[in-house]
Amino acid sequence: MAGILLILAIVCFIGCAVSELVIVVRAFQESVLWGLAVLFIPFAIIVFLVKFWDRCKQPFLYGLGAWALGVVFILLGSALNPQ
């Protein structure tokens, strides 16, 4: 059972990475400077999310949900398989 939960957690974290990639793509669609800023400047993604919330709300919330589910699956896995 713990193996299944670990696989589900990995899938959730992949979902989180995909949502992050969608946000980076949307930053590049806005402009090359926004894309580069999101990639290379710390916390620029937060500024981009606030400024363009209407375009980034859906992938951000999907990523947040995937992250939360991944954490829950890891915690369940560690509770079911204590060592």
Protein backbone atom coordinates (compact mmCIF):
# COMPACT_ATOMS: atom_id res chain seq x y z
CA MET A 1 0.00 0.00 0.00
CA ALA A 2 2.84 2.38 0.80
CA GLY A 3 4.29 1.83 -2.67
CA ILE A 4 1.05 2.91 -4.30
CA LEU A 5 0.95 6.03 -2.14
CA LEU A 6 4.52 6.85 -3.11
CA ILE A 7 3.68 6.49 -6.80
CA LEU A 8 0.65 8.75 -6.33
CA ALA A 9 2.82 11.31 -4.53
CA ILE A 10 5.32 11.27 -7.42
CA VAL A 11 2.48 11.76 -9.91
CA CYS A 12 1.24 14.72 -7.83
CA PHE A 13 4.66 16.31 -7.81
CA ILE A 14 4.91 15.82 -11.59
CA GLY A 15 1.55 17.59 -11.85
CA CYS A 16 2.99 20.41 -9.79
CA ALA A 17 6.00 20.65 -12.11
CA VAL A 18 3.75 20.72 -15.17
CA SER A 19 1.69 23.56 -13.70
CA GLU A 20 4.92 25.47 -13.04
CA LEU A 21 5.94 24.89 -16.66
CA VAL A 22 2.58 26.26 -17.85
CA ILE A 23 3.15 29.41 -15.81
CA VAL A 24 6.64 29.83 -17.30
CA VAL A 25 5.22 29.38 -20.81
CA ARG A 26 2.57 32.00 -20.09
CA ALA A 27 5.29 34.34 -18.86
CA PHE A 28 7.14 33.91 -22.15
CA GLN A 29 3.87 34.48 -24.02
CA GLU A 30 3.56 37.81 -22.22
CA SER A 31 7.10 38.84 -23.17
CA VAL A 32 10.58 37.39 -23.36
CA LEU A 33 11.67 39.60 -20.46
CA TRP A 34 8.90 38.24 -18.22
CA GLY A 35 9.86 34.70 -19.17
CA LEU A 36 13.52 35.25 -18.41
CA ALA A 37 12.66 37.02 -15.17
CA VAL A 38 10.46 34.14 -14.03
CA LEU A 39 13.23 31.67 -14.85
CA PHE A 40 16.21 33.49 -13.39
CA ILE A 41 15.12 36.09 -10.83
CA PRO A 42 14.08 34.77 -7.44
CA PHE A 43 10.48 35.57 -6.52
CA ALA A 44 9.74 37.12 -9.93
CA ILE A 45 7.15 34.41 -10.43
CA ILE A 46 5.24 35.77 -7.45
CA VAL A 47 5.17 39.23 -9.02
CA PHE A 48 4.08 37.67 -12.32
CA LEU A 49 1.30 35.69 -10.60
CA VAL A 50 -0.03 38.79 -8.86
CA LYS A 51 0.19 40.98 -11.95
CA PHE A 52 -1.36 38.42 -14.33
CA TRP A 53 -3.58 36.51 -11.88
CA ASP A 54 -6.40 36.15 -14.41
CA ARG A 55 -4.11 34.21 -16.78
CA CYS A 56 -2.25 32.20 -14.14
CA LYS A 57 -4.92 31.39 -11.58
CA GLN A 58 -5.87 27.99 -13.00
CA PRO A 59 -2.37 26.45 -13.32
CA PHE A 60 -1.34 27.92 -9.97
CA LEU A 61 -4.34 26.42 -8.18
CA TYR A 62 -3.84 23.07 -9.93
CA GLY A 63 -0.21 23.07 -8.85
CA LEU A 64 -1.12 24.01 -5.31
CA GLY A 65 -3.68 21.20 -5.18
CA ALA A 66 -1.20 18.70 -6.63
CA TRP A 67 1.42 19.76 -4.10
CA ALA A 68 -1.02 19.36 -1.21
CA LEU A 69 -2.12 15.92 -2.40
CA GLY A 70 1.51 14.87 -2.79
CA VAL A 71 2.27 15.88 0.78
CA VAL A 72 -0.82 14.02 2.02
CA PHE A 73 0.20 10.88 0.12
CA ILE A 74 3.73 11.03 1.54
CA LEU A 75 2.41 11.50 5.06
CA LEU A 76 -0.03 8.61 4.62
CA GLY A 77 2.75 6.45 3.22
CA SER A 78 5.03 7.18 6.14
CA ALA A 79 2.20 6.56 8.64
CA LEU A 80 1.33 3.21 7.05
CA ASN A 81 4.93 2.07 6.81
CA PRO A 82 6.82 3.27 9.93
CA GLN A 83 10.38 2.03 10.14
